[in-house]
Amino acid sequence: MSVRESIQRKLTELSPSHLVVENESHRHSVPANSETHFRLEIVSAQFEGLRSVKRHQLVYGLLQEELNGPVHALAIHAYAPNEWAGQAPDSPDCRGGNKL
């Protein structure tokens, strides 16, 4: 199972109504086919009434294994259903050096 698939499977515990897990590693200075940088869009009723920090903590708790291992960066865009406007912000360009 790929890292992306593992992340997606674990996040189903939050019963998301919208979930996108995008591998953005190709945009960074890492070897080809890496799975180290991810962008996450998630909409869940479990985020209702929670501040951003608590939402991120829920995600971090579910993805602890990946964050302690292969995942170097995770951009989290977490919304309650009433906040979701159908689109999350794009990730900024990598500023970490030359591409390999």
N, C-alpha and C. Protein backbone atom coordinates (compact mmCIF):
# COMPACT_ATOMS: atom_id res chain seq x y z
N MET A 1 0.85 -1.17 0.00
CA MET A 1 0.00 0.00 0.00
C MET A 1 0.89 1.24 0.00
N SER A 2 0.56 2.21 -0.82
CA SER A 2 1.33 3.44 -0.87
C SER A 2 1.07 4.28 0.37
N VAL A 3 1.93 5.24 0.61
CA VAL A 3 1.75 6.16 1.74
C VAL A 3 0.45 6.93 1.56
N ARG A 4 0.18 7.40 0.35
CA ARG A 4 -1.05 8.14 0.08
C ARG A 4 -2.28 7.29 0.41
N GLU A 5 -2.27 6.05 0.01
CA GLU A 5 -3.39 5.15 0.29
C GLU A 5 -3.54 4.90 1.79
N SER A 6 -2.43 4.78 2.48
CA SER A 6 -2.47 4.59 3.94
C SER A 6 -3.08 5.80 4.63
N ILE A 7 -2.67 6.99 4.22
CA ILE A 7 -3.22 8.23 4.78
C ILE A 7 -4.72 8.28 4.53
N GLN A 8 -5.12 8.02 3.30
CA GLN A 8 -6.53 8.08 2.93
C GLN A 8 -7.35 7.08 3.75
N ARG A 9 -6.85 5.87 3.90
CA ARG A 9 -7.57 4.83 4.64
C ARG A 9 -7.75 5.24 6.10
N LYS A 10 -6.69 5.76 6.72
CA LYS A 10 -6.77 6.14 8.14
C LYS A 10 -7.72 7.31 8.37
N LEU A 11 -7.78 8.23 7.43
CA LEU A 11 -8.63 9.41 7.60
C LEU A 11 -10.11 9.10 7.43
N THR A 12 -10.45 7.92 6.92
CA THR A 12 -11.87 7.55 6.82
C THR A 12 -12.48 7.42 8.21
N GLU A 13 -11.66 7.30 9.24
CA GLU A 13 -12.17 7.25 10.62
C GLU A 13 -12.91 8.55 10.99
N LEU A 14 -12.60 9.64 10.31
CA LEU A 14 -13.27 10.92 10.55
C LEU A 14 -14.56 11.06 9.74
N SER A 15 -14.95 10.02 9.03
CA SER A 15 -16.17 10.02 8.20
C SER A 15 -16.26 11.28 7.32
N PRO A 16 -15.23 11.53 6.52
CA PRO A 16 -15.25 12.75 5.72
C PRO A 16 -16.30 12.72 4.61
N SER A 17 -16.89 13.89 4.37
CA SER A 17 -17.80 14.02 3.23
C SER A 17 -17.01 14.43 1.99
N HIS A 18 -15.79 14.89 2.19
CA HIS A 18 -14.87 15.24 1.10
C HIS A 18 -13.47 14.93 1.59
N LEU A 19 -12.69 14.23 0.78
CA LEU A 19 -11.32 13.90 1.15
C LEU A 19 -10.45 13.84 -0.09
N VAL A 20 -9.40 14.65 -0.10
CA VAL A 20 -8.41 14.61 -1.16
C VAL A 20 -7.04 14.52 -0.50
N VAL A 21 -6.28 13.50 -0.86
CA VAL A 21 -4.91 13.35 -0.39
C VAL A 21 -4.03 13.41 -1.63
N GLU A 22 -3.28 14.49 -1.75
CA GLU A 22 -2.47 14.73 -2.94
C GLU A 22 -0.98 14.63 -2.60
N ASN A 23 -0.28 13.78 -3.33
CA ASN A 23 1.17 13.66 -3.18
C ASN A 23 1.82 14.81 -3.95
N GLU A 24 2.44 15.74 -3.22
CA GLU A 24 3.10 16.89 -3.84
C GLU A 24 4.62 16.75 -3.83
N SER A 25 5.10 15.56 -3.60
CA SER A 25 6.55 15.35 -3.51
C SER A 25 7.28 15.77 -4.77
N HIS A 26 6.65 15.59 -5.92
CA HIS A 26 7.28 15.94 -7.20
C HIS A 26 7.59 17.44 -7.29
N ARG A 27 6.99 18.25 -6.44
CA ARG A 27 7.21 19.70 -6.44
C ARG A 27 8.37 20.11 -5.53
N HIS A 28 9.05 19.13 -4.96
CA HIS A 28 10.11 19.41 -4.00
C HIS A 28 11.41 18.72 -4.40
N SER A 29 12.46 19.03 -3.69
CA SER A 29 13.79 18.50 -3.99
C SER A 29 13.96 17.11 -3.38
N VAL A 30 13.26 16.15 -3.95
CA VAL A 30 13.32 14.77 -3.49
C VAL A 30 13.45 13.87 -4.71
N PRO A 31 13.91 12.63 -4.52
CA PRO A 31 14.02 11.72 -5.66
C PRO A 31 12.66 11.44 -6.30
N ALA A 32 12.69 11.05 -7.55
CA ALA A 32 11.47 10.71 -8.28
C ALA A 32 10.70 9.62 -7.54
N ASN A 33 9.38 9.67 -7.63
CA ASN A 33 8.48 8.69 -7.02
C ASN A 33 8.48 8.70 -5.49
N SER A 34 8.95 9.79 -4.89
CA SER A 34 8.93 9.91 -3.44
C SER A 34 7.51 10.11 -2.94
N GLU A 35 7.28 9.76 -1.68
CA GLU A 35 6.02 10.02 -1.00
C GLU A 35 6.35 10.67 0.33
N THR A 36 6.76 11.93 0.25
CA THR A 36 7.23 12.65 1.44
C THR A 36 6.47 13.93 1.73
N HIS A 37 5.84 14.52 0.73
CA HIS A 37 5.14 15.79 0.87
C HIS A 37 3.69 15.61 0.39
N PHE A 38 2.74 15.93 1.28
CA PHE A 38 1.33 15.72 0.95
C PHE A 38 0.50 16.96 1.26
N ARG A 39 -0.58 17.09 0.51
CA ARG A 39 -1.58 18.13 0.73
C ARG A 39 -2.89 17.43 0.98
N LEU A 40 -3.60 17.86 2.01
CA LEU A 40 -4.82 17.21 2.44
C LEU A 40 -5.98 18.20 2.49
N GLU A 41 -7.07 17.83 1.84
CA GLU A 41 -8.34 18.54 1.96
C GLU A 41 -9.29 17.57 2.63
N ILE A 42 -9.87 17.97 3.75
CA ILE A 42 -10.81 17.09 4.43
C ILE A 42 -11.95 17.90 5.01
N VAL A 43 -13.15 17.39 4.79
CA VAL A 43 -14.36 18.00 5.34
C VAL A 43 -15.04 16.93 6.20
N SER A 44 -15.26 17.27 7.46
CA SER A 44 -15.84 16.30 8.38
C SER A 44 -16.72 17.00 9.42
N ALA A 45 -17.85 16.39 9.73
CA ALA A 45 -18.71 16.91 10.79
C ALA A 45 -18.01 16.87 12.14
N GLN A 46 -17.00 16.02 12.27
CA GLN A 46 -16.26 15.93 13.52
C GLN A 46 -15.43 17.18 13.80
N PHE A 47 -15.29 18.06 12.81
CA PHE A 47 -14.56 19.32 13.00
C PHE A 47 -15.47 20.44 13.49
N GLU A 48 -16.78 20.20 13.53
CA GLU A 48 -17.73 21.23 13.99
C GLU A 48 -17.34 21.73 15.37
N GLY A 49 -17.24 23.04 15.51
CA GLY A 49 -16.95 23.66 16.80
C GLY A 49 -15.51 23.58 17.26
N LEU A 50 -14.64 23.00 16.44
CA LEU A 50 -13.22 22.87 16.81
C LEU A 50 -12.39 23.94 16.10
N ARG A 51 -11.44 24.48 16.83
CA ARG A 51 -10.49 25.41 16.21
C ARG A 51 -9.52 24.62 15.34
N SER A 52 -8.83 25.35 14.50
CA SER A 52 -7.90 24.75 13.55
C SER A 52 -6.87 23.84 14.22
N VAL A 53 -6.34 24.27 15.34
CA VAL A 53 -5.32 23.48 16.04
C VAL A 53 -5.87 22.12 16.46
N LYS A 54 -7.07 22.08 16.98
CA LYS A 54 -7.69 20.81 17.40
C LYS A 54 -7.98 19.91 16.20
N ARG A 55 -8.36 20.51 15.09
CA ARG A 55 -8.61 19.73 13.88
C ARG A 55 -7.31 19.07 13.42
N HIS A 56 -6.24 19.85 13.42
CA HIS A 56 -4.94 19.32 13.01
C HIS A 56 -4.48 18.24 13.97
N GLN A 57 -4.73 18.40 15.25
CA GLN A 57 -4.34 17.39 16.23
C GLN A 57 -5.07 16.07 15.98
N LEU A 58 -6.34 16.13 15.58
CA LEU A 58 -7.07 14.92 15.23
C LEU A 58 -6.40 14.20 14.06
N VAL A 59 -6.04 14.97 13.05
CA VAL A 59 -5.38 14.39 11.87
C VAL A 59 -4.01 13.83 12.26
N TYR A 60 -3.23 14.60 13.01
CA TYR A 60 -1.90 14.14 13.44
C TYR A 60 -2.01 12.84 14.23
N GLY A 61 -3.01 12.75 15.09
CA GLY A 61 -3.18 11.53 15.89
C GLY A 61 -3.41 10.31 15.03
N LEU A 62 -4.19 10.46 13.97
CA LEU A 62 -4.47 9.34 13.08
C LEU A 62 -3.27 8.98 12.20
N LEU A 63 -2.44 9.97 11.90
CA LEU A 63 -1.33 9.76 10.96
C LEU A 63 0.04 9.73 11.64
N GLN A 64 0.05 9.42 12.91
CA GLN A 64 1.30 9.45 13.67
C GLN A 64 2.39 8.58 13.06
N GLU A 65 2.02 7.40 12.60
CA GLU A 65 3.00 6.48 12.00
C GLU A 65 3.64 7.09 10.75
N GLU A 66 2.82 7.67 9.89
CA GLU A 66 3.34 8.27 8.66
C GLU A 66 4.19 9.51 8.97
N LEU A 67 3.76 10.32 9.93
CA LEU A 67 4.50 11.53 10.27
C LEU A 67 5.81 11.22 10.98
N ASN A 68 5.90 10.08 11.64
CA ASN A 68 7.15 9.66 12.27
C ASN A 68 8.06 8.93 11.29
N GLY A 69 7.57 8.68 10.09
CA GLY A 69 8.33 7.91 9.12
C GLY A 69 8.53 8.66 7.82
N PRO A 70 7.82 8.22 6.79
CA PRO A 70 8.13 8.73 5.45
C PRO A 70 7.66 10.15 5.16
N VAL A 71 6.64 10.65 5.88
CA VAL A 71 6.07 11.95 5.54
C VAL A 71 6.89 13.07 6.19
N HIS A 72 7.40 13.94 5.34
CA HIS A 72 8.20 15.08 5.78
C HIS A 72 7.35 16.33 5.97
N ALA A 73 6.32 16.49 5.13
CA ALA A 73 5.48 17.69 5.17
C ALA A 73 4.04 17.31 4.85
N LEU A 74 3.11 17.92 5.62
CA LEU A 74 1.70 17.68 5.42
C LEU A 74 0.95 19.00 5.53
N ALA A 75 0.39 19.46 4.42
CA ALA A 75 -0.44 20.66 4.41
C ALA A 75 -1.87 20.23 4.65
N ILE A 76 -2.46 20.70 5.75
CA ILE A 76 -3.81 20.27 6.13
C ILE A 76 -4.79 21.42 5.93
N HIS A 77 -5.84 21.14 5.17
CA HIS A 77 -6.96 22.07 4.98
C HIS A 77 -8.20 21.33 5.49
N ALA A 78 -8.57 21.59 6.75
CA ALA A 78 -9.64 20.87 7.42
C ALA A 78 -10.84 21.78 7.65
N TYR A 79 -12.01 21.33 7.23
CA TYR A 79 -13.23 22.14 7.29
C TYR A 79 -14.38 21.36 7.89
N ALA A 80 -15.26 22.07 8.59
CA ALA A 80 -16.57 21.53 8.94
C ALA A 80 -17.45 21.68 7.70
N PRO A 81 -18.48 20.86 7.56
CA PRO A 81 -19.31 20.92 6.34
C PRO A 81 -19.86 22.32 6.03
N ASN A 82 -20.26 23.07 7.03
CA ASN A 82 -20.83 24.39 6.77
C ASN A 82 -19.78 25.43 6.37
N GLU A 83 -18.50 25.10 6.50
CA GLU A 83 -17.41 26.01 6.11
C GLU A 83 -16.87 25.73 4.71
N TRP A 84 -17.15 24.55 4.20
CA TRP A 84 -16.57 24.11 2.94
C TRP A 84 -17.18 24.86 1.77
N ALA A 85 -16.33 25.53 1.02
CA ALA A 85 -16.78 26.30 -0.14
C ALA A 85 -16.47 25.60 -1.45
N GLY A 86 -16.00 24.36 -1.38
CA GLY A 86 -15.74 23.59 -2.59
C GLY A 86 -14.32 23.66 -3.09
N GLN A 87 -13.46 24.42 -2.42
CA GLN A 87 -12.08 24.53 -2.87
C GLN A 87 -11.20 24.99 -1.71
N ALA A 88 -10.03 24.36 -1.58
CA ALA A 88 -9.03 24.76 -0.59
C ALA A 88 -7.91 25.49 -1.31
N PRO A 89 -7.13 26.28 -0.59
CA PRO A 89 -6.02 27.00 -1.23
C PRO A 89 -4.98 26.05 -1.82
N ASP A 90 -4.33 26.49 -2.87
CA ASP A 90 -3.22 25.73 -3.46
C ASP A 90 -2.01 25.84 -2.56
N SER A 91 -1.13 24.88 -2.67
CA SER A 91 0.13 24.93 -1.92
C SER A 91 1.08 25.91 -2.59
N PRO A 92 1.91 26.59 -1.81
CA PRO A 92 2.90 27.48 -2.41
C PRO A 92 4.00 26.68 -3.09
N ASP A 93 4.76 27.34 -3.94
CA ASP A 93 5.89 26.69 -4.59
C ASP A 93 6.95 26.34 -3.56
N CYS A 94 7.69 25.29 -3.83
CA CYS A 94 8.79 24.87 -2.96
C CYS A 94 9.90 25.91 -2.96
N ARG A 95 10.40 26.23 -1.79
CA ARG A 95 11.51 27.19 -1.69
C ARG A 95 12.71 26.52 -1.06
N GLY A 96 12.74 25.17 -1.09
CA GLY A 96 13.75 24.41 -0.38
C GLY A 96 15.00 24.09 -1.17
N GLY A 97 15.25 24.72 -2.26
CA GLY A 97 16.49 24.44 -2.98
C GLY A 97 16.25 23.94 -4.39
N ASN A 98 17.29 23.43 -4.98
CA ASN A 98 17.24 22.97 -6.36
C ASN A 98 16.50 21.64 -6.48
N LYS A 99 15.86 21.46 -7.58
CA LYS A 99 15.23 20.18 -7.87
C LYS A 99 16.31 19.16 -8.20
N LEU A 100 16.05 17.91 -7.85
CA LEU A 100 17.01 16.83 -8.18
C LEU A 100 16.86 16.44 -9.62
